[in-house]
Amino acid sequence: MRLFKQIDLQLMVITPLDKINIVEDYISSVHLTENKNTHNSRLISMTIDTCKAKQQE
């Protein structure tokens, strides 16, 4: 992760929400997908700080 930051490359990390703590020091944005039924999905975008605050609620 530090290498990507050093060479100023963007990286897409796909991980379950309960494992986000592994990469949270290296990311600034989070895009969560939600599919409550099989027909419609939605995408929720937020900063990592907002995501951390919501997890603590």
N, C-alpha and C. Protein backbone atom coordinates (compact mmCIF):
# COMPACT_ATOMS: atom_id res chain seq x y z
N MET A 1 0.82 -1.19 0.00
CA MET A 1 0.00 0.00 0.00
C MET A 1 0.87 1.25 0.00
N ARG A 2 1.95 1.22 0.75
CA ARG A 2 2.83 2.39 0.78
C ARG A 2 3.47 2.63 -0.58
N LEU A 3 3.76 1.56 -1.31
CA LEU A 3 4.35 1.71 -2.64
C LEU A 3 3.39 2.46 -3.56
N PHE A 4 2.12 2.10 -3.55
CA PHE A 4 1.13 2.79 -4.38
C PHE A 4 1.05 4.26 -4.02
N LYS A 5 1.13 4.56 -2.74
CA LYS A 5 1.09 5.96 -2.30
C LYS A 5 2.34 6.71 -2.75
N GLN A 6 3.50 6.06 -2.64
CA GLN A 6 4.76 6.69 -3.03
C GLN A 6 4.78 7.06 -4.51
N ILE A 7 4.25 6.19 -5.34
CA ILE A 7 4.28 6.46 -6.78
C ILE A 7 2.98 7.09 -7.28
N ASP A 8 2.15 7.51 -6.33
CA ASP A 8 0.93 8.27 -6.62
C ASP A 8 -0.03 7.54 -7.56
N LEU A 9 -0.24 6.26 -7.29
CA LEU A 9 -1.19 5.48 -8.07
C LEU A 9 -2.45 5.24 -7.26
N GLN A 10 -3.56 5.22 -7.96
CA GLN A 10 -4.82 4.88 -7.31
C GLN A 10 -4.97 3.37 -7.30
N LEU A 11 -5.63 2.88 -6.29
CA LEU A 11 -5.82 1.45 -6.14
C LEU A 11 -7.26 1.19 -5.71
N MET A 12 -7.89 0.23 -6.34
CA MET A 12 -9.24 -0.15 -5.94
C MET A 12 -9.13 -1.40 -5.07
N VAL A 13 -9.65 -1.31 -3.87
CA VAL A 13 -9.62 -2.43 -2.93
C VAL A 13 -11.05 -2.89 -2.71
N ILE A 14 -11.27 -4.16 -2.90
CA ILE A 14 -12.61 -4.72 -2.69
C ILE A 14 -12.51 -5.65 -1.49
N THR A 15 -13.27 -5.33 -0.46
CA THR A 15 -13.18 -6.10 0.79
C THR A 15 -14.53 -6.09 1.51
N PRO A 16 -14.81 -7.11 2.29
CA PRO A 16 -16.02 -7.07 3.12
C PRO A 16 -15.92 -5.93 4.13
N LEU A 17 -17.04 -5.39 4.51
CA LEU A 17 -17.07 -4.25 5.43
C LEU A 17 -16.38 -4.56 6.76
N ASP A 18 -16.50 -5.78 7.23
CA ASP A 18 -15.88 -6.12 8.52
C ASP A 18 -14.36 -6.23 8.45
N LYS A 19 -13.78 -6.15 7.26
CA LYS A 19 -12.32 -6.21 7.09
C LYS A 19 -11.74 -4.87 6.66
N ILE A 20 -12.55 -3.84 6.62
CA ILE A 20 -12.09 -2.53 6.14
C ILE A 20 -10.99 -1.95 7.03
N ASN A 21 -10.94 -2.36 8.27
CA ASN A 21 -9.91 -1.84 9.18
C ASN A 21 -8.50 -2.15 8.69
N ILE A 22 -8.34 -3.16 7.87
CA ILE A 22 -7.03 -3.52 7.34
C ILE A 22 -6.48 -2.43 6.42
N VAL A 23 -7.36 -1.77 5.67
CA VAL A 23 -6.91 -0.79 4.68
C VAL A 23 -7.30 0.64 5.00
N GLU A 24 -8.02 0.88 6.08
CA GLU A 24 -8.58 2.21 6.32
C GLU A 24 -7.53 3.31 6.47
N ASP A 25 -6.32 2.98 6.86
CA ASP A 25 -5.27 4.00 6.97
C ASP A 25 -4.74 4.43 5.60
N TYR A 26 -5.10 3.69 4.56
CA TYR A 26 -4.57 3.96 3.23
C TYR A 26 -5.61 4.49 2.25
N ILE A 27 -6.86 4.59 2.68
CA ILE A 27 -7.91 5.01 1.75
C ILE A 27 -8.58 6.29 2.24
N SER A 28 -9.18 7.02 1.30
CA SER A 28 -9.87 8.26 1.67
C SER A 28 -11.36 8.20 1.35
N SER A 29 -11.75 7.28 0.46
CA SER A 29 -13.16 7.16 0.07
C SER A 29 -13.61 5.71 0.15
N VAL A 30 -14.89 5.56 0.44
CA VAL A 30 -15.51 4.24 0.54
C VAL A 30 -16.76 4.26 -0.32
N HIS A 31 -16.96 3.20 -1.08
CA HIS A 31 -18.17 3.04 -1.88
C HIS A 31 -18.79 1.70 -1.48
N LEU A 32 -19.91 1.76 -0.81
CA LEU A 32 -20.59 0.56 -0.33
C LEU A 32 -21.72 0.20 -1.27
N THR A 33 -21.86 -1.08 -1.56
CA THR A 33 -23.00 -1.54 -2.35
C THR A 33 -23.97 -2.23 -1.42
N GLU A 34 -25.23 -2.07 -1.73
CA GLU A 34 -26.29 -2.66 -0.92
C GLU A 34 -27.31 -3.27 -1.86
N ASN A 35 -27.70 -4.50 -1.58
CA ASN A 35 -28.70 -5.18 -2.38
C ASN A 35 -29.66 -5.88 -1.43
N LYS A 36 -30.74 -5.21 -1.08
CA LYS A 36 -31.70 -5.77 -0.13
C LYS A 36 -32.60 -6.81 -0.79
N ASN A 37 -32.76 -6.69 -2.08
CA ASN A 37 -33.49 -7.72 -2.82
C ASN A 37 -32.69 -8.04 -4.08
N THR A 38 -33.14 -8.95 -4.84
CA THR A 38 -32.35 -9.38 -6.00
C THR A 38 -32.53 -8.50 -7.23
N HIS A 39 -33.39 -7.50 -7.16
CA HIS A 39 -33.70 -6.71 -8.34
C HIS A 39 -32.99 -5.36 -8.39
N ASN A 40 -32.73 -4.76 -7.26
CA ASN A 40 -32.15 -3.42 -7.24
C ASN A 40 -30.97 -3.35 -6.29
N SER A 41 -29.92 -2.71 -6.74
CA SER A 41 -28.76 -2.45 -5.89
C SER A 41 -28.59 -0.95 -5.79
N ARG A 42 -27.90 -0.51 -4.75
CA ARG A 42 -27.59 0.91 -4.66
C ARG A 42 -26.15 1.07 -4.19
N LEU A 43 -25.57 2.18 -4.56
CA LEU A 43 -24.20 2.50 -4.22
C LEU A 43 -24.20 3.69 -3.28
N ILE A 44 -23.49 3.57 -2.17
CA ILE A 44 -23.39 4.64 -1.19
C ILE A 44 -21.92 5.05 -1.12
N SER A 45 -21.65 6.32 -1.38
CA SER A 45 -20.28 6.84 -1.36
C SER A 45 -20.09 7.75 -0.17
N MET A 46 -18.95 7.62 0.50
CA MET A 46 -18.65 8.47 1.66
C MET A 46 -17.14 8.49 1.89
N THR A 47 -16.71 9.44 2.70
CA THR A 47 -15.30 9.49 3.07
C THR A 47 -15.03 8.41 4.11
N ILE A 48 -13.78 8.06 4.28
CA ILE A 48 -13.44 7.05 5.28
C ILE A 48 -13.78 7.55 6.68
N ASP A 49 -13.65 8.86 6.92
CA ASP A 49 -14.00 9.41 8.24
C ASP A 49 -15.49 9.23 8.54
N THR A 50 -16.33 9.47 7.55
CA THR A 50 -17.77 9.27 7.71
C THR A 50 -18.08 7.80 7.96
N CYS A 51 -17.42 6.94 7.23
CA CYS A 51 -17.62 5.50 7.40
C CYS A 51 -17.24 5.05 8.81
N LYS A 52 -16.11 5.53 9.31
CA LYS A 52 -15.68 5.19 10.68
C LYS A 52 -16.70 5.67 11.70
N ALA A 53 -17.21 6.90 11.52
CA ALA A 53 -18.20 7.45 12.44
C ALA A 53 -19.48 6.62 12.44
N LYS A 54 -19.92 6.19 11.27
CA LYS A 54 -21.14 5.38 11.18
C LYS A 54 -20.94 4.01 11.82
N GLN A 55 -19.75 3.46 11.72
CA GLN A 55 -19.48 2.16 12.34
C GLN A 55 -19.50 2.25 13.86
N GLN A 56 -19.14 3.41 14.41
CA GLN A 56 -19.11 3.59 15.86
C GLN A 56 -20.49 3.86 16.44
N GLU A 57 -21.45 4.21 15.60
CA GLU A 57 -22.82 4.50 16.08
C GLU A 57 -23.50 3.26 16.59
